[in-house]
């Protein structure tokens, strides 16, 4: 019996040593998150190398990760075009740096998450230039890539409005929130685009078990 236990413990120890002790052992392959589309994870926390895969966007563009001793960066790239679109102190959570949440034909939405129930700041970045065209206080609500519509709000505002941006037409439309809803984080995370027609959009609102729908002209 003692011999059997000894052999078992030796086998476990050998397995651990073979995994951790080998100088050529590669870190685990990166995994895509199911809840955050196209979220790119660094393959190893001590690596200064780029991700071994990029976030692919429409039109042949990619988002590429880079890092140096102090900072982490995201670059928008296509052929010889390269533009830094985000940077953050190295060692912070990767969601702070940014991830793509919606991809349109000529633009895409880059979001940042800082936890604690805060709204997610966003940029709407033009692919050909790498420039953000939204105000700096824009925060994420929802989007529909097929119809090229972005739904967002202004951070720390109490005007009772959200903004529907037609990406293709480059037009803003301010929508009144239903009674009982405000521009706070809890309300914003429960707002969704439900239906889109050529001239209407239906928005769904949910809070404290109460479901509401409201249809607006586009």
C-alpha atoms as a PDB file:
ATOM      1  CA  UNK A   1       0.000   0.000   0.000  1.00  0.00           C
ATOM      2  CA  UNK A   2       2.802   2.420   0.942  1.00  0.00           C
ATOM      3  CA  UNK A   3       4.614   1.559  -2.275  1.00  0.00           C
ATOM      4  CA  UNK A   4       1.495   2.337  -4.320  1.00  0.00           C
ATOM      5  CA  UNK A   5       1.125   5.733  -2.614  1.00  0.00           C
ATOM      6  CA  UNK A   6       4.802   6.493  -3.198  1.00  0.00           C
ATOM      7  CA  UNK A   7       4.572   5.659  -6.905  1.00  0.00           C
ATOM      8  CA  UNK A   8       1.469   7.823  -7.269  1.00  0.00           C
ATOM      9  CA  UNK A   9       3.109  10.823  -5.557  1.00  0.00           C
ATOM     10  CA  UNK A  10       6.238  10.381  -7.663  1.00  0.00           C
ATOM     11  CA  UNK A  11       4.175  10.324 -10.862  1.00  0.00           C
ATOM     12  CA  UNK A  12       2.345  13.532  -9.895  1.00  0.00           C
ATOM     13  CA  UNK A  13       5.639  15.226  -9.044  1.00  0.00           C
ATOM     14  CA  UNK A  14       7.187  14.174 -12.335  1.00  0.00           C
ATOM     15  CA  UNK A  15       4.194  15.513 -14.244  1.00  0.00           C
ATOM     16  CA  UNK A  16       4.405  18.898 -12.505  1.00  0.00           C
ATOM     17  CA  UNK A  17       8.154  19.091 -13.114  1.00  0.00           C
ATOM     18  CA  UNK A  18       7.794  18.213 -16.802  1.00  0.00           C
ATOM     19  CA  UNK A  19       5.293  21.050 -17.271  1.00  0.00           C
ATOM     20  CA  UNK A  20       6.926  23.779 -15.178  1.00  0.00           C
ATOM     21  CA  UNK A  21      10.561  22.847 -15.345  1.00  0.00           C
ATOM     22  CA  UNK A  22      11.046  22.554 -19.074  1.00  0.00           C
ATOM     23  CA  UNK A  23      12.788  25.676 -20.440  1.00  0.00           C
ATOM     24  CA  UNK A  24      11.130  25.204 -23.838  1.00  0.00           C
ATOM     25  CA  UNK A  25       7.586  24.884 -22.499  1.00  0.00           C
ATOM     26  CA  UNK A  26       5.310  27.345 -24.334  1.00  0.00           C
ATOM     27  CA  UNK A  27       2.551  29.258 -22.507  1.00  0.00           C
ATOM     28  CA  UNK A  28      -1.046  28.157 -23.102  1.00  0.00           C
ATOM     29  CA  UNK A  29      -2.642  29.264 -26.355  1.00  0.00           C
ATOM     30  CA  UNK A  30      -4.777  32.418 -26.058  1.00  0.00           C
ATOM     31  CA  UNK A  31      -8.528  31.997 -25.880  1.00  0.00           C
ATOM     32  CA  UNK A  32     -11.273  34.227 -27.242  1.00  0.00           C
ATOM     33  CA  UNK A  33     -13.926  35.302 -24.770  1.00  0.00           C
ATOM     34  CA  UNK A  34     -17.475  34.211 -25.588  1.00  0.00           C
ATOM     35  CA  UNK A  35     -19.013  37.290 -23.977  1.00  0.00           C
ATOM     36  CA  UNK A  36     -16.833  39.962 -25.563  1.00  0.00           C
ATOM     37  CA  UNK A  37     -16.575  39.595 -29.348  1.00  0.00           C
ATOM     38  CA  UNK A  38     -13.085  39.508 -30.841  1.00  0.00           C
ATOM     39  CA  UNK A  39     -11.456  40.224 -27.474  1.00  0.00           C
ATOM     40  CA  UNK A  40      -7.742  39.521 -27.860  1.00  0.00           C
ATOM     41  CA  UNK A  41      -5.905  38.015 -24.899  1.00  0.00           C
ATOM     42  CA  UNK A  42      -2.151  38.156 -24.369  1.00  0.00           C
ATOM     43  CA  UNK A  43      -0.787  34.558 -24.427  1.00  0.00           C
ATOM     44  CA  UNK A  44       1.459  34.954 -21.373  1.00  0.00           C
ATOM     45  CA  UNK A  45       1.563  37.630 -18.643  1.00  0.00           C
ATOM     46  CA  UNK A  46       5.364  38.015 -18.817  1.00  0.00           C
ATOM     47  CA  UNK A  47       5.593  38.236 -22.607  1.00  0.00           C
ATOM     48  CA  UNK A  48       6.595  41.428 -24.390  1.00  0.00           C
ATOM     49  CA  UNK A  49       5.857  39.863 -27.757  1.00  0.00           C
ATOM     50  CA  UNK A  50       2.789  40.785 -29.846  1.00  0.00           C
ATOM     51  CA  UNK A  51      -0.331  38.670 -29.651  1.00  0.00           C
ATOM     52  CA  UNK A  52       0.153  35.665 -31.921  1.00  0.00           C
ATOM     53  CA  UNK A  53      -3.127  36.563 -33.634  1.00  0.00           C
ATOM     54  CA  UNK A  54      -4.824  39.888 -34.439  1.00  0.00           C
ATOM     55  CA  UNK A  55      -8.391  41.155 -34.249  1.00  0.00           C
ATOM     56  CA  UNK A  56      -9.706  41.149 -37.827  1.00  0.00           C
ATOM     57  CA  UNK A  57     -11.944  43.952 -39.073  1.00  0.00           C
ATOM     58  CA  UNK A  58     -13.899  44.481 -42.278  1.00  0.00           C
ATOM     59  CA  UNK A  59     -11.965  45.961 -45.174  1.00  0.00           C
ATOM     60  CA  UNK A  60      -8.756  44.072 -44.452  1.00  0.00           C
ATOM     61  CA  UNK A  61      -7.869  46.005 -41.276  1.00  0.00           C
ATOM     62  CA  UNK A  62      -6.534  44.419 -38.093  1.00  0.00           C
ATOM     63  CA  UNK A  63      -5.999  45.512 -34.492  1.00  0.00           C
ATOM     64  CA  UNK A  64      -2.561  44.488 -33.269  1.00  0.00           C
ATOM     65  CA  UNK A  65      -1.199  44.397 -29.731  1.00  0.00           C
ATOM     66  CA  UNK A  66       2.320  45.615 -28.835  1.00  0.00           C
ATOM     67  CA  UNK A  67       4.104  46.219 -25.536  1.00  0.00           C
ATOM     68  CA  UNK A  68       7.347  47.667 -24.220  1.00  0.00           C
ATOM     69  CA  UNK A  69       8.777  47.787 -20.704  1.00  0.00           C
ATOM     70  CA  UNK A  70       6.313  50.471 -19.563  1.00  0.00           C
ATOM     71  CA  UNK A  71       3.192  50.451 -21.729  1.00  0.00           C
ATOM     72  CA  UNK A  72       0.844  48.347 -23.817  1.00  0.00           C
ATOM     73  CA  UNK A  73      -0.493  49.526 -27.168  1.00  0.00           C
ATOM     74  CA  UNK A  74      -3.112  48.770 -29.782  1.00  0.00           C
ATOM     75  CA  UNK A  75      -2.364  49.571 -33.419  1.00  0.00           C
ATOM     76  CA  UNK A  76      -4.778  49.726 -36.341  1.00  0.00           C
ATOM     77  CA  UNK A  77      -3.063  48.222 -39.377  1.00  0.00           C
ATOM     78  CA  UNK A  78      -3.604  47.550 -43.051  1.00  0.00           C
ATOM     79  CA  UNK A  79      -0.778  46.946 -45.533  1.00  0.00           C
ATOM     80  CA  UNK A  80       1.702  49.788 -44.881  1.00  0.00           C
ATOM     81  CA  UNK A  81      -0.779  51.842 -42.817  1.00  0.00           C
ATOM     82  CA  UNK A  82      -0.232  51.706 -39.042  1.00  0.00           C
ATOM     83  CA  UNK A  83      -1.820  53.952 -36.417  1.00  0.00           C
ATOM     84  CA  UNK A  84      -1.668  53.752 -32.615  1.00  0.00           C
ATOM     85  CA  UNK A  85      -5.253  53.831 -31.336  1.00  0.00           C
ATOM     86  CA  UNK A  86      -4.803  53.053 -27.626  1.00  0.00           C
ATOM     87  CA  UNK A  87      -2.113  52.871 -24.956  1.00  0.00           C
ATOM     88  CA  UNK A  88      -2.123  52.065 -21.271  1.00  0.00           C
ATOM     89  CA  UNK A  89       0.299  51.404 -18.444  1.00  0.00           C
ATOM     90  CA  UNK A  90       1.661  47.876 -18.561  1.00  0.00           C
ATOM     91  CA  UNK A  91       0.305  45.536 -15.913  1.00  0.00           C
ATOM     92  CA  UNK A  92      -3.246  46.918 -15.837  1.00  0.00           C
ATOM     93  CA  UNK A  93      -6.229  44.798 -16.860  1.00  0.00           C
ATOM     94  CA  UNK A  94      -6.335  44.136 -20.585  1.00  0.00           C
ATOM     95  CA  UNK A  95      -9.924  45.370 -20.873  1.00  0.00           C
ATOM     96  CA  UNK A  96      -8.687  48.841 -19.856  1.00  0.00           C
ATOM     97  CA  UNK A  97      -6.630  49.019 -23.040  1.00  0.00           C
ATOM     98  CA  UNK A  98      -9.565  48.318 -25.328  1.00  0.00           C
ATOM     99  CA  UNK A  99     -11.484  45.770 -27.383  1.00  0.00           C
ATOM    100  CA  UNK A 100     -13.659  45.919 -30.497  1.00  0.00           C
ATOM    101  CA  UNK A 101     -17.403  45.697 -29.819  1.00  0.00           C
ATOM    102  CA  UNK A 102     -18.892  46.546 -33.220  1.00  0.00           C
ATOM    103  CA  UNK A 103     -17.412  46.568 -36.721  1.00  0.00           C
ATOM    104  CA  UNK A 104     -18.930  48.696 -39.489  1.00  0.00           C
ATOM    105  CA  UNK A 105     -17.774  49.050 -43.093  1.00  0.00           C
ATOM    106  CA  UNK A 106     -15.574  52.124 -42.637  1.00  0.00           C
ATOM    107  CA  UNK A 107     -15.583  52.529 -38.847  1.00  0.00           C
ATOM    108  CA  UNK A 108     -15.421  50.354 -35.741  1.00  0.00           C
ATOM    109  CA  UNK A 109     -16.191  50.832 -32.057  1.00  0.00           C
ATOM    110  CA  UNK A 110     -13.352  50.431 -29.554  1.00  0.00           C
ATOM    111  CA  UNK A 111     -14.561  50.054 -25.950  1.00  0.00           C
ATOM    112  CA  UNK A 112     -12.745  50.170 -22.611  1.00  0.00           C
ATOM    113  CA  UNK A 113     -13.849  48.483 -19.387  1.00  0.00           C
ATOM    114  CA  UNK A 114     -12.780  49.681 -15.938  1.00  0.00           C
ATOM    115  CA  UNK A 115     -15.095  47.498 -13.840  1.00  0.00           C
ATOM    116  CA  UNK A 116     -17.018  48.503 -10.700  1.00  0.00           C
ATOM    117  CA  UNK A 117     -20.235  48.807 -12.683  1.00  0.00           C
ATOM    118  CA  UNK A 118     -19.043  51.878 -14.598  1.00  0.00           C
ATOM    119  CA  UNK A 119     -20.217  52.557 -18.170  1.00  0.00           C
ATOM    120  CA  UNK A 120     -17.781  51.532 -20.894  1.00  0.00           C
ATOM    121  CA  UNK A 121     -16.143  54.516 -22.655  1.00  0.00           C
ATOM    122  CA  UNK A 122     -16.009  54.130 -26.432  1.00  0.00           C
ATOM    123  CA  UNK A 123     -14.435  55.587 -29.534  1.00  0.00           C
ATOM    124  CA  UNK A 124     -15.856  55.344 -33.030  1.00  0.00           C
ATOM    125  CA  UNK A 125     -12.697  55.055 -35.080  1.00  0.00           C
ATOM    126  CA  UNK A 126     -12.466  55.777 -38.776  1.00  0.00           C
ATOM    127  CA  UNK A 127     -10.459  52.937 -40.297  1.00  0.00           C
ATOM    128  CA  UNK A 128      -8.742  54.950 -43.027  1.00  0.00           C
ATOM    129  CA  UNK A 129      -7.296  57.482 -40.539  1.00  0.00           C
ATOM    130  CA  UNK A 130      -7.397  55.816 -37.119  1.00  0.00           C
ATOM    131  CA  UNK A 131      -9.154  58.900 -35.726  1.00  0.00           C
ATOM    132  CA  UNK A 132     -12.004  58.891 -33.192  1.00  0.00           C
ATOM    133  CA  UNK A 133     -15.007  60.943 -34.327  1.00  0.00           C
ATOM    134  CA  UNK A 134     -17.005  60.874 -31.053  1.00  0.00           C
ATOM    135  CA  UNK A 135     -16.759  63.202 -28.068  1.00  0.00           C
ATOM    136  CA  UNK A 136     -14.486  62.002 -25.287  1.00  0.00           C
ATOM    137  CA  UNK A 137     -17.398  61.315 -22.904  1.00  0.00           C
ATOM    138  CA  UNK A 138     -19.212  58.791 -25.134  1.00  0.00           C
ATOM    139  CA  UNK A 139     -20.199  55.507 -23.449  1.00  0.00           C
ATOM    140  CA  UNK A 140     -21.464  52.223 -24.916  1.00  0.00           C
ATOM    141  CA  UNK A 141     -25.071  51.083 -25.080  1.00  0.00           C
ATOM    142  CA  UNK A 142     -25.567  48.925 -28.193  1.00  0.00           C
ATOM    143  CA  UNK A 143     -25.022  48.751 -31.954  1.00  0.00           C
ATOM    144  CA  UNK A 144     -26.310  47.042 -35.072  1.00  0.00           C
ATOM    145  CA  UNK A 145     -23.492  46.470 -37.545  1.00  0.00           C
ATOM    146  CA  UNK A 146     -25.746  45.369 -40.428  1.00  0.00           C
ATOM    147  CA  UNK A 147     -27.717  48.636 -40.306  1.00  0.00           C
ATOM    148  CA  UNK A 148     -24.635  50.674 -39.311  1.00  0.00           C
ATOM    149  CA  UNK A 149     -26.319  52.137 -36.228  1.00  0.00           C
ATOM    150  CA  UNK A 150     -24.609  52.968 -32.947  1.00  0.00           C
ATOM    151  CA  UNK A 151     -26.524  53.657 -29.726  1.00  0.00           C
ATOM    152  CA  UNK A 152     -24.588  55.504 -27.049  1.00  0.00           C
ATOM    153  CA  UNK A 153     -24.832  58.081 -24.269  1.00  0.00           C
ATOM    154  CA  UNK A 154     -22.817  60.904 -22.782  1.00  0.00           C
ATOM    155  CA  UNK A 155     -21.139  60.078 -19.473  1.00  0.00           C
ATOM    156  CA  UNK A 156     -22.422  61.862 -16.342  1.00  0.00           C
ATOM    157  CA  UNK A 157     -25.270  63.621 -18.066  1.00  0.00           C
ATOM    158  CA  UNK A 158     -28.785  63.940 -16.699  1.00  0.00           C
ATOM    159  CA  UNK A 159     -30.547  65.182 -19.809  1.00  0.00           C
ATOM    160  CA  UNK A 160     -32.689  62.029 -20.114  1.00  0.00           C
ATOM    161  CA  UNK A 161     -31.512  61.369 -23.666  1.00  0.00           C
ATOM    162  CA  UNK A 162     -29.494  58.761 -25.510  1.00  0.00           C
ATOM    163  CA  UNK A 163     -27.972  59.138 -28.958  1.00  0.00           C
ATOM    164  CA  UNK A 164     -28.614  57.069 -32.066  1.00  0.00           C
ATOM    165  CA  UNK A 165     -25.815  57.615 -34.570  1.00  0.00           C
ATOM    166  CA  UNK A 166     -26.297  56.594 -38.193  1.00  0.00           C
ATOM    167  CA  UNK A 167     -22.728  55.698 -39.153  1.00  0.00           C
ATOM    168  CA  UNK A 168     -23.378  55.581 -42.886  1.00  0.00           C
ATOM    169  CA  UNK A 169     -25.232  58.923 -42.996  1.00  0.00           C
ATOM    170  CA  UNK A 170     -23.089  60.480 -40.235  1.00  0.00           C
ATOM    171  CA  UNK A 171     -26.181  61.764 -38.447  1.00  0.00           C
ATOM    172  CA  UNK A 172     -26.993  61.975 -34.721  1.00  0.00           C
ATOM    173  CA  UNK A 173     -30.532  61.633 -33.397  1.00  0.00           C
ATOM    174  CA  UNK A 174     -31.298  62.307 -29.723  1.00  0.00           C
ATOM    175  CA  UNK A 175     -33.851  59.922 -28.220  1.00  0.00           C
ATOM    176  CA  UNK A 176     -35.835  60.594 -25.053  1.00  0.00           C
ATOM    177  CA  UNK A 177     -35.534  57.913 -22.401  1.00  0.00           C
ATOM    178  CA  UNK A 178     -38.787  56.448 -21.040  1.00  0.00           C
ATOM    179  CA  UNK A 179     -40.033  57.763 -17.724  1.00  0.00           C
ATOM    180  CA  UNK A 180     -38.109  56.216 -14.834  1.00  0.00           C
ATOM    181  CA  UNK A 181     -34.883  55.751 -16.793  1.00  0.00           C
ATOM    182  CA  UNK A 182     -31.787  57.920 -16.541  1.00  0.00           C
ATOM    183  CA  UNK A 183     -28.290  58.081 -18.040  1.00  0.00           C
ATOM    184  CA  UNK A 184     -26.816  56.045 -15.185  1.00  0.00           C
ATOM    185  CA  UNK A 185     -24.752  52.877 -15.628  1.00  0.00           C
ATOM    186  CA  UNK A 186     -27.477  50.485 -14.465  1.00  0.00           C
ATOM    187  CA  UNK A 187     -30.021  51.890 -16.903  1.00  0.00           C
ATOM    188  CA  UNK A 188     -27.603  51.955 -19.840  1.00  0.00           C
ATOM    189  CA  UNK A 189     -26.606  48.308 -19.518  1.00  0.00           C
ATOM    190  CA  UNK A 190     -30.266  47.292 -19.861  1.00  0.00           C
ATOM    191  CA  UNK A 191     -31.002  49.141 -23.099  1.00  0.00           C
ATOM    192  CA  UNK A 192     -30.988  47.253 -26.420  1.00  0.00           C
ATOM    193  CA  UNK A 193     -31.832  47.839 -30.072  1.00  0.00           C
ATOM    194  CA  UNK A 194     -34.713  45.452 -30.776  1.00  0.00           C
ATOM    195  CA  UNK A 195     -35.926  46.208 -34.302  1.00  0.00           C
ATOM    196  CA  UNK A 196     -34.828  48.380 -37.221  1.00  0.00           C
ATOM    197  CA  UNK A 197     -36.737  49.354 -40.359  1.00  0.00           C
ATOM    198  CA  UNK A 198     -35.936  51.914 -43.044  1.00  0.00           C
ATOM    199  CA  UNK A 199     -37.487  54.738 -41.038  1.00  0.00           C
ATOM    200  CA  UNK A 200     -38.009  53.393 -37.489  1.00  0.00           C
ATOM    201  CA  UNK A 201     -35.984  51.892 -34.662  1.00  0.00           C
ATOM    202  CA  UNK A 202     -37.414  50.122 -31.613  1.00  0.00           C
ATOM    203  CA  UNK A 203     -35.451  50.262 -28.367  1.00  0.00           C
ATOM    204  CA  UNK A 204     -36.014  47.896 -25.441  1.00  0.00           C
ATOM    205  CA  UNK A 205     -35.602  49.026 -21.834  1.00  0.00           C
ATOM    206  CA  UNK A 206     -35.431  46.758 -18.805  1.00  0.00           C
ATOM    207  CA  UNK A 207     -35.110  47.674 -15.149  1.00  0.00           C
ATOM    208  CA  UNK A 208     -36.215  46.049 -11.903  1.00  0.00           C
ATOM    209  CA  UNK A 209     -38.212  43.471 -13.839  1.00  0.00           C
ATOM    210  CA  UNK A 210     -40.054  46.105 -15.859  1.00  0.00           C
ATOM    211  CA  UNK A 211     -39.791  45.754 -19.644  1.00  0.00           C
ATOM    212  CA  UNK A 212     -40.561  48.677 -21.923  1.00  0.00           C
ATOM    213  CA  UNK A 213     -40.361  49.223 -25.677  1.00  0.00           C
ATOM    214  CA  UNK A 214     -40.306  52.513 -27.477  1.00  0.00           C
ATOM    215  CA  UNK A 215     -40.243  53.157 -31.220  1.00  0.00           C
ATOM    216  CA  UNK A 216     -38.553  56.223 -32.658  1.00  0.00           C
ATOM    217  CA  UNK A 217     -38.200  57.779 -36.094  1.00  0.00           C
ATOM    218  CA  UNK A 218     -34.695  57.366 -37.461  1.00  0.00           C
END
